[in-house]
C-alpha atoms as a PDB file:
ATOM      1  CA  MET A   1      99.875  98.417  86.254  1.00  0.00           C
ATOM      2  CA  SER A   2      96.459  95.874  86.755  1.00  0.00           C
ATOM      3  CA  ASP A   3      92.887  97.592  87.007  1.00  0.00           C
ATOM      4  CA  VAL A   4      92.107  97.360  90.595  1.00  0.00           C
ATOM      5  CA  ASN A   5      88.655  96.415  91.840  1.00  0.00           C
ATOM      6  CA  TRP A   6      88.323  98.807  95.034  1.00  0.00           C
ATOM      7  CA  GLU A   7      85.406  98.407  97.783  1.00  0.00           C
ATOM      8  CA  ASP A   8      82.850 100.327  99.051  1.00  0.00           C
ATOM      9  CA  SER A   9      84.418 103.416 101.204  1.00  0.00           C
ATOM     10  CA  PHE A  10      84.541 102.676 104.695  1.00  0.00           C
ATOM     11  CA  CYS A  11      84.322 105.715 106.766  1.00  0.00           C
ATOM     12  CA  GLY A  12      85.022 106.855 110.308  1.00  0.00           C
ATOM     13  CA  GLU A  13      84.330 109.212 112.233  1.00  0.00           C
ATOM     14  CA  GLY A  14      84.010 112.643 110.148  1.00  0.00           C
ATOM     15  CA  ASN A  15      85.415 112.574 107.013  1.00  0.00           C
ATOM     16  CA  SER A  16      88.066 110.039 107.304  1.00  0.00           C
ATOM     17  CA  CYS A  17      86.940 107.588 104.596  1.00  0.00           C
ATOM     18  CA  TYR A  18      89.278 104.729 102.906  1.00  0.00           C
ATOM     19  CA  ARG A  19      89.038 102.140 100.398  1.00  0.00           C
ATOM     20  CA  ILE A  20      90.191  99.003  99.884  1.00  0.00           C
ATOM     21  CA  GLY A  21      91.002  97.345  96.569  1.00  0.00           C
ATOM     22  CA  THR A  22      92.708  94.146  95.070  1.00  0.00           C
ATOM     23  CA  ASP A  23      93.626  93.240  91.803  1.00  0.00           C
ATOM     24  CA  GLU A  24      94.085  89.800  89.833  1.00  0.00           C
ATOM     25  CA  ALA A  25      97.934  89.687  90.388  1.00  0.00           C
ATOM     26  CA  GLY A  26      97.538  89.360  93.960  1.00  0.00           C
ATOM     27  CA  ASN A  27      98.127  92.648  95.219  1.00  0.00           C
ATOM     28  CA  SER A  28      96.021  94.878  97.633  1.00  0.00           C
ATOM     29  CA  TYR A  29      95.524  98.665  97.557  1.00  0.00           C
ATOM     30  CA  ILE A  30      94.520 101.277 100.266  1.00  0.00           C
ATOM     31  CA  ALA A  31      93.846 105.111  99.611  1.00  0.00           C
ATOM     32  CA  VAL A  32      91.380 107.632 100.769  1.00  0.00           C
ATOM     33  CA  ALA A  33      88.327 107.835  99.217  1.00  0.00           C
ATOM     34  CA  GLY A  34      88.619 110.120  96.030  1.00  0.00           C
ATOM     35  CA  SER A  35      92.140 109.872  95.987  1.00  0.00           C
ATOM     36  CA  GLU A  36      92.631 106.193  94.738  1.00  0.00           C
ATOM     37  CA  ASP A  37      95.406 107.423  92.018  1.00  0.00           C
ATOM     38  CA  GLN A  38      97.501 107.846  95.293  1.00  0.00           C
ATOM     39  CA  PHE A  39      97.708 104.630  97.101  1.00  0.00           C
ATOM     40  CA  LEU A  40      99.722 102.307  99.333  1.00  0.00           C
ATOM     41  CA  THR A  41     100.134  98.697  97.974  1.00  0.00           C
ATOM     42  CA  ASP A  42     101.410  95.241  99.086  1.00  0.00           C
ATOM     43  CA  SER A  43     100.463  92.019  98.888  1.00  0.00           C
ATOM     44  CA  ARG A  44      96.802  90.531  99.843  1.00  0.00           C
ATOM     45  CA  GLU A  45      98.664  88.547 102.501  1.00  0.00           C
ATOM     46  CA  ALA A  46     100.186  91.725 104.079  1.00  0.00           C
ATOM     47  CA  LEU A  47      97.081  93.306 104.331  1.00  0.00           C
ATOM     48  CA  GLN A  48      94.922  90.420 105.491  1.00  0.00           C
ATOM     49  CA  GLN A  49      97.966  90.480 108.267  1.00  0.00           C
ATOM     50  CA  LEU A  50      97.520  94.184 108.919  1.00  0.00           C
ATOM     51  CA  ILE A  51      93.340  93.897 109.571  1.00  0.00           C
ATOM     52  CA  ARG A  52      94.322  91.052 112.090  1.00  0.00           C
ATOM     53  CA  ASP A  53      96.573  93.164 113.869  1.00  0.00           C
ATOM     54  CA  ILE A  54      94.248  96.197 114.069  1.00  0.00           C
ATOM     55  CA  LYS A  55      91.476  93.868 114.922  1.00  0.00           C
ATOM     56  CA  ALA A  56      93.675  92.487 117.902  1.00  0.00           C
ATOM     57  CA  GLY A  57      94.127  96.298 118.975  1.00  0.00           C
ATOM     58  CA  LYS A  58      97.897  96.323 117.770  1.00  0.00           C
ATOM     59  CA  ALA A  59      97.139  99.979 116.746  1.00  0.00           C
ATOM     60  CA  ASP A  60      95.103 101.081 119.214  1.00  0.00           C
ATOM     61  CA  HIS A  61      98.028 103.384 120.731  1.00  0.00           C
ATOM     62  CA  LEU A  62      97.723 105.364 117.388  1.00  0.00           C
ATOM     63  CA  LEU A  63      93.896 106.465 118.660  1.00  0.00           C
END
């Protein structure tokens, strides 16, 4: 596995902190801050689409 370049933590209200990372092979990673050894991974394109969809409100029903 390639080394993951983690971004700074993104924290919402309370203790819900997440980190997003990428590697040189074009993969993206999402993990709970402090548990980066347990992550979800997909392509950078999939992560970009996820972020676009969240910004468009397609996940608002989960709030």
